[in-house]
Amino acid sequence: MARTTLTRDEVLAAAASLVKQHGPAALTMRKLAAELGTAVTSIYWHVGNRESLLDALVERTVQEMGAIRPVGRTPVERILSVARILRRELRERPHLIAMVHERGLTERMFLPAQQALVHEVHAAGLRGTRAADAVRAVQFQIVGYLLVERNRERSPAQSPAESELWGSPGASGGTPAAAPDDPELARALARPADPERLFLLSLRALVRSLLASPNPPLR
C-alpha cells in the first residue's frame, strides 16, 4: 500500500542513501519510489524530475559538509578534529562528493571547513600568507591522504604482499631480510597499516610545524 504522507527531506534522504550504496547510475525514480513505498508521481511532486533530484542531492551534500564543528582545547587539537571529521565525511559519501565536483561546487563545499581552519590558525597567531599556506597545506594533506587510501583499497591484490616482503626471514632465518639491522621496523611494516593512526600522525606533525615559529620563505 502506498504511503499517504511524504516529505521532501525523506525523499532526499532515501535518494542519498541509494547513491551512497550504489552510485548515481542506480538512482531511478521508480527504484526510489519503491524504496519509499510510494507512487512515482509522488516523487515527482516533491523533487521534480531526476535531474532536479540530483541537483537537490548535490545542494544537500554541500550543506551537510558545512556542518563541521571543531572540538578541542588548543588550535592543534581543533584543527585535527576538523581534519578527522572532514576525512570521515568525504569517505562516507564518495559518489555524492563526485557529483558535487562534477557540478563545479567543490570549492564552495570546502569553504566552511576552510573557514574553520582559518579561525584556528588565527587563534594560533598566524596571519596573512602564513595563515593561508597553513590552511591549504592541511586541506591538501586531507584530500591527498584520502586519494591514497582510496587507491590502495581499489588496487589489485599484490603478490608478494607488503607483509611477505618485510616479514620473510633472511638466509640465517629469524631476522627479516628487508631490514636486517632493524627487525622491529620490519615487523611493524609486515603488519597491516592503520590508516587512522597514520593520518593523525602525519597531520599532527604537519600542523605543529605550520603553527611553530616563522619559517624562512620557500624559494
C-alpha atoms as a PDB file:
ATOM      1  CA  MET A   1       0.000   0.000   0.000  1.00  0.00           C
ATOM      2  CA  ALA A   2       1.387   3.400  -0.987  1.00  0.00           C
ATOM      3  CA  ARG A   3       2.239   5.917   1.699  1.00  0.00           C
ATOM      4  CA  THR A   4      -0.183   8.764   2.150  1.00  0.00           C
ATOM      5  CA  THR A   5       2.327  11.245   3.604  1.00  0.00           C
ATOM      6  CA  LEU A   6       5.824  12.008   2.441  1.00  0.00           C
ATOM      7  CA  THR A   7       8.218  14.934   2.852  1.00  0.00           C
ATOM      8  CA  ARG A   8      10.892  16.324   0.560  1.00  0.00           C
ATOM      9  CA  ASP A   9      13.531  15.621   3.219  1.00  0.00           C
ATOM     10  CA  GLU A  10      12.509  11.962   3.329  1.00  0.00           C
ATOM     11  CA  VAL A  11      12.786  11.710  -0.437  1.00  0.00           C
ATOM     12  CA  LEU A  12      16.253  13.299  -0.448  1.00  0.00           C
ATOM     13  CA  ALA A  13      17.456  11.131   2.439  1.00  0.00           C
ATOM     14  CA  ALA A  14      16.343   7.951   0.668  1.00  0.00           C
ATOM     15  CA  ALA A  15      17.882   9.116  -2.614  1.00  0.00           C
ATOM     16  CA  ALA A  16      21.170   9.964  -0.878  1.00  0.00           C
ATOM     17  CA  SER A  17      21.215   6.507   0.709  1.00  0.00           C
ATOM     18  CA  LEU A  18      20.768   4.827  -2.682  1.00  0.00           C
ATOM     19  CA  VAL A  19      23.544   6.907  -4.245  1.00  0.00           C
ATOM     20  CA  LYS A  20      25.896   6.220  -1.325  1.00  0.00           C
ATOM     21  CA  GLN A  21      25.395   2.488  -1.706  1.00  0.00           C
ATOM     22  CA  HIS A  22      25.215   2.036  -5.457  1.00  0.00           C
ATOM     23  CA  GLY A  23      26.208   5.275  -7.193  1.00  0.00           C
ATOM     24  CA  PRO A  24      24.087   7.804  -9.117  1.00  0.00           C
ATOM     25  CA  ALA A  25      23.504   5.458 -12.059  1.00  0.00           C
ATOM     26  CA  ALA A  26      21.446   3.195  -9.777  1.00  0.00           C
ATOM     27  CA  LEU A  27      19.135   6.030  -8.756  1.00  0.00           C
ATOM     28  CA  THR A  28      15.878   5.876 -10.729  1.00  0.00           C
ATOM     29  CA  MET A  29      12.565   7.429  -9.823  1.00  0.00           C
ATOM     30  CA  ARG A  30      10.920   4.016  -9.882  1.00  0.00           C
ATOM     31  CA  LYS A  31      13.516   2.472  -7.567  1.00  0.00           C
ATOM     32  CA  LEU A  32      13.303   5.448  -5.222  1.00  0.00           C
ATOM     33  CA  ALA A  33       9.511   5.214  -5.115  1.00  0.00           C
ATOM     34  CA  ALA A  34       9.754   1.514  -4.290  1.00  0.00           C
ATOM     35  CA  GLU A  35      12.258   2.274  -1.541  1.00  0.00           C
ATOM     36  CA  LEU A  36       9.857   4.789  -0.002  1.00  0.00           C
ATOM     37  CA  GLY A  37       6.734   2.715  -0.575  1.00  0.00           C
ATOM     38  CA  THR A  38       5.024   5.420  -2.585  1.00  0.00           C
ATOM     39  CA  ALA A  39       3.977   6.215  -6.148  1.00  0.00           C
ATOM     40  CA  VAL A  40       6.424   7.609  -8.702  1.00  0.00           C
ATOM     41  CA  THR A  41       4.130  10.602  -9.184  1.00  0.00           C
ATOM     42  CA  SER A  42       4.623  11.469  -5.526  1.00  0.00           C
ATOM     43  CA  ILE A  43       8.398  11.586  -6.023  1.00  0.00           C
ATOM     44  CA  TYR A  44       7.995  13.937  -8.983  1.00  0.00           C
ATOM     45  CA  TRP A  45       5.690  16.159  -6.964  1.00  0.00           C
ATOM     46  CA  HIS A  46       8.262  16.577  -4.190  1.00  0.00           C
ATOM     47  CA  VAL A  47      11.528  16.912  -6.165  1.00  0.00           C
ATOM     48  CA  GLY A  48      10.686  17.323  -9.849  1.00  0.00           C
ATOM     49  CA  ASN A  49      12.444  15.200 -12.463  1.00  0.00           C
ATOM     50  CA  ARG A  50      15.577  13.113 -11.962  1.00  0.00           C
ATOM     51  CA  GLU A  51      17.946  15.929 -12.900  1.00  0.00           C
ATOM     52  CA  SER A  52      16.296  18.209 -10.352  1.00  0.00           C
ATOM     53  CA  LEU A  53      16.620  15.439  -7.802  1.00  0.00           C
ATOM     54  CA  LEU A  54      20.360  15.116  -8.478  1.00  0.00           C
ATOM     55  CA  ASP A  55      20.770  18.898  -8.172  1.00  0.00           C
ATOM     56  CA  ALA A  56      18.951  18.786  -4.830  1.00  0.00           C
ATOM     57  CA  LEU A  57      21.209  15.962  -3.628  1.00  0.00           C
ATOM     58  CA  VAL A  58      24.281  17.983  -4.546  1.00  0.00           C
ATOM     59  CA  GLU A  59      22.972  21.007  -2.649  1.00  0.00           C
ATOM     60  CA  ARG A  60      22.128  18.811   0.330  1.00  0.00           C
ATOM     61  CA  THR A  61      25.647  17.355   0.314  1.00  0.00           C
ATOM     62  CA  VAL A  62      27.225  20.815   0.206  1.00  0.00           C
ATOM     63  CA  GLN A  63      25.129  21.870   3.195  1.00  0.00           C
ATOM     64  CA  GLU A  64      25.977  18.730   5.164  1.00  0.00           C
ATOM     65  CA  MET A  65      29.685  19.234   4.564  1.00  0.00           C
ATOM     66  CA  GLY A  66      29.313  22.713   6.040  1.00  0.00           C
ATOM     67  CA  ALA A  67      28.254  21.366   9.428  1.00  0.00           C
ATOM     68  CA  ILE A  68      31.807  20.726  10.671  1.00  0.00           C
ATOM     69  CA  ARG A  69      32.415  21.996  14.210  1.00  0.00           C
ATOM     70  CA  PRO A  70      35.941  21.896  15.709  1.00  0.00           C
ATOM     71  CA  VAL A  71      36.474  20.441  19.192  1.00  0.00           C
ATOM     72  CA  GLY A  72      39.491  20.535  21.488  1.00  0.00           C
ATOM     73  CA  ARG A  73      41.329  22.802  23.908  1.00  0.00           C
ATOM     74  CA  THR A  74      44.106  24.035  21.612  1.00  0.00           C
ATOM     75  CA  PRO A  75      44.318  25.158  17.977  1.00  0.00           C
ATOM     76  CA  VAL A  76      46.267  21.995  17.110  1.00  0.00           C
ATOM     77  CA  GLU A  77      43.584  19.760  18.651  1.00  0.00           C
ATOM     78  CA  ARG A  78      40.795  21.683  16.953  1.00  0.00           C
ATOM     79  CA  ILE A  79      42.496  21.579  13.549  1.00  0.00           C
ATOM     80  CA  LEU A  80      42.977  17.833  13.933  1.00  0.00           C
ATOM     81  CA  SER A  81      39.292  17.475  14.811  1.00  0.00           C
ATOM     82  CA  VAL A  82      38.274  19.365  11.662  1.00  0.00           C
ATOM     83  CA  ALA A  83      40.569  17.160   9.592  1.00  0.00           C
ATOM     84  CA  ARG A  84      39.242  13.924  11.089  1.00  0.00           C
ATOM     85  CA  ILE A  85      35.628  14.957  10.561  1.00  0.00           C
ATOM     86  CA  LEU A  86      36.288  16.129   7.003  1.00  0.00           C
ATOM     87  CA  ARG A  87      38.104  12.896   6.101  1.00  0.00           C
ATOM     88  CA  ARG A  88      35.288  10.813   7.574  1.00  0.00           C
ATOM     89  CA  GLU A  89      32.569  12.771   5.785  1.00  0.00           C
ATOM     90  CA  LEU A  90      34.390  12.563   2.457  1.00  0.00           C
ATOM     91  CA  ARG A  91      34.967   8.816   2.864  1.00  0.00           C
ATOM     92  CA  GLU A  92      31.320   8.147   3.699  1.00  0.00           C
ATOM     93  CA  ARG A  93      29.892   9.720   0.535  1.00  0.00           C
ATOM     94  CA  PRO A  94      32.321   9.316  -2.395  1.00  0.00           C
ATOM     95  CA  HIS A  95      29.565   9.171  -5.045  1.00  0.00           C
ATOM     96  CA  LEU A  96      27.867  12.296  -3.728  1.00  0.00           C
ATOM     97  CA  ILE A  97      31.197  14.145  -3.483  1.00  0.00           C
ATOM     98  CA  ALA A  98      31.916  13.192  -7.104  1.00  0.00           C
ATOM     99  CA  MET A  99      28.552  14.685  -8.099  1.00  0.00           C
ATOM    100  CA  VAL A 100      29.426  17.901  -6.283  1.00  0.00           C
ATOM    101  CA  HIS A 101      32.761  18.027  -8.103  1.00  0.00           C
ATOM    102  CA  GLU A 102      31.171  17.385 -11.495  1.00  0.00           C
ATOM    103  CA  ARG A 103      28.903  20.390 -10.970  1.00  0.00           C
ATOM    104  CA  GLY A 104      31.828  22.671 -10.131  1.00  0.00           C
ATOM    105  CA  LEU A 105      30.869  23.166  -6.478  1.00  0.00           C
ATOM    106  CA  THR A 106      33.877  21.595  -4.761  1.00  0.00           C
ATOM    107  CA  GLU A 107      35.366  24.915  -3.636  1.00  0.00           C
ATOM    108  CA  ARG A 108      32.044  26.041  -2.222  1.00  0.00           C
ATOM    109  CA  MET A 109      31.689  22.712  -0.418  1.00  0.00           C
ATOM    110  CA  PHE A 110      35.112  23.099   1.228  1.00  0.00           C
ATOM    111  CA  LEU A 111      34.597  26.747   2.223  1.00  0.00           C
ATOM    112  CA  PRO A 112      33.094  26.076   5.704  1.00  0.00           C
ATOM    113  CA  ALA A 113      35.961  23.725   6.577  1.00  0.00           C
ATOM    114  CA  GLN A 114      38.442  26.315   5.308  1.00  0.00           C
ATOM    115  CA  GLN A 115      36.782  28.986   7.435  1.00  0.00           C
ATOM    116  CA  ALA A 116      37.019  26.731  10.498  1.00  0.00           C
ATOM    117  CA  LEU A 117      40.713  26.206   9.789  1.00  0.00           C
ATOM    118  CA  VAL A 118      41.261  29.953   9.299  1.00  0.00           C
ATOM    119  CA  HIS A 119      39.748  30.593  12.714  1.00  0.00           C
ATOM    120  CA  GLU A 120      42.146  28.114  14.315  1.00  0.00           C
ATOM    121  CA  VAL A 121      45.328  29.300  12.590  1.00  0.00           C
ATOM    122  CA  HIS A 122      44.374  32.851  13.605  1.00  0.00           C
ATOM    123  CA  ALA A 123      43.953  31.618  17.176  1.00  0.00           C
ATOM    124  CA  ALA A 124      47.480  30.187  16.915  1.00  0.00           C
ATOM    125  CA  GLY A 125      48.814  33.618  15.912  1.00  0.00           C
ATOM    126  CA  LEU A 126      49.249  33.141  12.157  1.00  0.00           C
ATOM    127  CA  ARG A 127      48.203  35.881   9.757  1.00  0.00           C
ATOM    128  CA  GLY A 128      48.353  36.683   6.079  1.00  0.00           C
ATOM    129  CA  THR A 129      50.256  34.397   3.721  1.00  0.00           C
ATOM    130  CA  ARG A 130      51.441  32.086   6.518  1.00  0.00           C
ATOM    131  CA  ALA A 131      47.849  31.550   7.628  1.00  0.00           C
ATOM    132  CA  ALA A 132      46.676  30.903   4.057  1.00  0.00           C
ATOM    133  CA  ASP A 133      49.542  28.454   3.459  1.00  0.00           C
ATOM    134  CA  ALA A 134      48.698  26.583   6.662  1.00  0.00           C
ATOM    135  CA  VAL A 135      45.027  26.258   5.734  1.00  0.00           C
ATOM    136  CA  ARG A 136      45.815  24.981   2.248  1.00  0.00           C
ATOM    137  CA  ALA A 137      48.533  22.623   3.463  1.00  0.00           C
ATOM    138  CA  VAL A 138      46.101  20.989   5.882  1.00  0.00           C
ATOM    139  CA  GLN A 139      43.368  20.768   3.240  1.00  0.00           C
ATOM    140  CA  PHE A 140      45.728  19.271   0.645  1.00  0.00           C
ATOM    141  CA  GLN A 141      47.008  16.764   3.197  1.00  0.00           C
ATOM    142  CA  ILE A 142      43.458  15.602   3.961  1.00  0.00           C
ATOM    143  CA  VAL A 143      42.413  15.248   0.322  1.00  0.00           C
ATOM    144  CA  GLY A 144      45.736  13.756  -0.781  1.00  0.00           C
ATOM    145  CA  TYR A 145      45.709  11.200   2.024  1.00  0.00           C
ATOM    146  CA  LEU A 146      42.151  10.252   1.148  1.00  0.00           C
ATOM    147  CA  LEU A 147      43.084   9.712  -2.512  1.00  0.00           C
ATOM    148  CA  VAL A 148      45.974   7.440  -1.476  1.00  0.00           C
ATOM    149  CA  GLU A 149      43.612   5.483   0.785  1.00  0.00           C
ATOM    150  CA  ARG A 150      41.080   5.021  -1.989  1.00  0.00           C
ATOM    151  CA  ASN A 151      43.776   3.960  -4.432  1.00  0.00           C
ATOM    152  CA  ARG A 152      45.126   1.344  -2.005  1.00  0.00           C
ATOM    153  CA  GLU A 153      41.639   0.000  -1.344  1.00  0.00           C
ATOM    154  CA  ARG A 154      40.894  -0.366  -5.060  1.00  0.00           C
ATOM    155  CA  SER A 155      44.265  -1.726  -6.141  1.00  0.00           C
ATOM    156  CA  PRO A 156      44.543  -5.388  -7.171  1.00  0.00           C
ATOM    157  CA  ALA A 157      45.939  -7.899  -4.710  1.00  0.00           C
ATOM    158  CA  GLN A 158      49.715  -7.593  -4.584  1.00  0.00           C
ATOM    159  CA  SER A 159      51.991 -10.616  -4.834  1.00  0.00           C
ATOM    160  CA  PRO A 160      54.185 -10.624  -2.922  1.00  0.00           C
ATOM    161  CA  ALA A 161      52.299  -8.557  -0.379  1.00  0.00           C
ATOM    162  CA  GLU A 162      53.987  -5.990   1.833  1.00  0.00           C
ATOM    163  CA  SER A 163      53.723  -8.371   4.782  1.00  0.00           C
ATOM    164  CA  GLU A 164      55.603 -11.029   2.811  1.00  0.00           C
ATOM    165  CA  LEU A 165      58.314  -8.636   1.647  1.00  0.00           C
ATOM    166  CA  TRP A 166      59.063  -7.353   5.139  1.00  0.00           C
ATOM    167  CA  GLY A 167      58.217 -10.490   7.077  1.00  0.00           C
ATOM    168  CA  SER A 168      60.306 -13.019   5.125  1.00  0.00           C
ATOM    169  CA  PRO A 169      63.353 -14.263   7.093  1.00  0.00           C
ATOM    170  CA  GLY A 170      66.879 -13.794   5.813  1.00  0.00           C
ATOM    171  CA  ALA A 171      69.304 -16.531   4.888  1.00  0.00           C
ATOM    172  CA  SER A 172      70.108 -17.202   8.533  1.00  0.00           C
ATOM    173  CA  GLY A 173      66.414 -17.354   9.444  1.00  0.00           C
ATOM    174  CA  GLY A 174      64.545 -15.287  12.009  1.00  0.00           C
ATOM    175  CA  THR A 175      65.626 -11.775  11.038  1.00  0.00           C
ATOM    176  CA  PRO A 176      63.695 -10.287   8.083  1.00  0.00           C
ATOM    177  CA  ALA A 177      65.899  -9.915   5.011  1.00  0.00           C
ATOM    178  CA  ALA A 178      64.482  -6.492   4.065  1.00  0.00           C
ATOM    179  CA  ALA A 179      65.857  -4.778   7.179  1.00  0.00           C
ATOM    180  CA  PRO A 180      68.451  -6.967   8.922  1.00  0.00           C
ATOM    181  CA  ASP A 181      69.683  -4.047  11.047  1.00  0.00           C
ATOM    182  CA  ASP A 182      66.183  -3.071  12.283  1.00  0.00           C
ATOM    183  CA  PRO A 183      63.998  -6.121  12.884  1.00  0.00           C
ATOM    184  CA  GLU A 184      61.446  -4.116  14.865  1.00  0.00           C
ATOM    185  CA  LEU A 185      60.875  -1.843  11.861  1.00  0.00           C
ATOM    186  CA  ALA A 186      60.497  -4.887   9.608  1.00  0.00           C
ATOM    187  CA  ARG A 187      57.949  -6.436  11.933  1.00  0.00           C
ATOM    188  CA  ALA A 188      55.994  -3.176  12.013  1.00  0.00           C
ATOM    189  CA  LEU A 189      55.972  -2.886   8.202  1.00  0.00           C
ATOM    190  CA  ALA A 190      54.899  -6.509   7.923  1.00  0.00           C
ATOM    191  CA  ARG A 191      51.733  -5.703   9.865  1.00  0.00           C
ATOM    192  CA  PRO A 192      48.720  -4.082   8.113  1.00  0.00           C
ATOM    193  CA  ALA A 193      48.835  -0.299   8.073  1.00  0.00           C
ATOM    194  CA  ASP A 194      46.480   1.579  10.412  1.00  0.00           C
ATOM    195  CA  PRO A 195      45.160   4.405   8.167  1.00  0.00           C
ATOM    196  CA  GLU A 196      43.559   6.382  11.003  1.00  0.00           C
ATOM    197  CA  ARG A 197      46.715   6.298  13.126  1.00  0.00           C
ATOM    198  CA  LEU A 198      48.941   7.271  10.187  1.00  0.00           C
ATOM    199  CA  PHE A 199      46.575  10.069   9.226  1.00  0.00           C
ATOM    200  CA  LEU A 200      46.718  11.598  12.697  1.00  0.00           C
ATOM    201  CA  LEU A 201      50.464  11.034  12.997  1.00  0.00           C
ATOM    202  CA  SER A 202      51.284  12.799   9.740  1.00  0.00           C
ATOM    203  CA  LEU A 203      48.747  15.575  10.180  1.00  0.00           C
ATOM    204  CA  ARG A 204      49.770  16.319  13.779  1.00  0.00           C
ATOM    205  CA  ALA A 205      53.395  16.659  12.686  1.00  0.00           C
ATOM    206  CA  LEU A 206      52.378  18.929   9.806  1.00  0.00           C
ATOM    207  CA  VAL A 207      50.138  21.150  11.918  1.00  0.00           C
ATOM    208  CA  ARG A 208      52.669  21.548  14.717  1.00  0.00           C
ATOM    209  CA  SER A 209      55.293  22.538  12.177  1.00  0.00           C
ATOM    210  CA  LEU A 210      52.968  25.023  10.480  1.00  0.00           C
ATOM    211  CA  LEU A 211      51.992  26.659  13.761  1.00  0.00           C
ATOM    212  CA  ALA A 212      55.550  26.837  15.090  1.00  0.00           C
ATOM    213  CA  SER A 213      57.830  29.859  14.901  1.00  0.00           C
ATOM    214  CA  PRO A 214      58.059  31.515  11.479  1.00  0.00           C
ATOM    215  CA  ASN A 215      59.983  29.559   8.882  1.00  0.00           C
ATOM    216  CA  PRO A 216      62.229  31.132   6.226  1.00  0.00           C
ATOM    217  CA  PRO A 217      60.413  31.724   2.922  1.00  0.00           C
ATOM    218  CA  LEU A 218      60.420  28.830   0.443  1.00  0.00           C
ATOM    219  CA  ARG A 219      62.011  29.520  -2.938  1.00  0.00           C
END
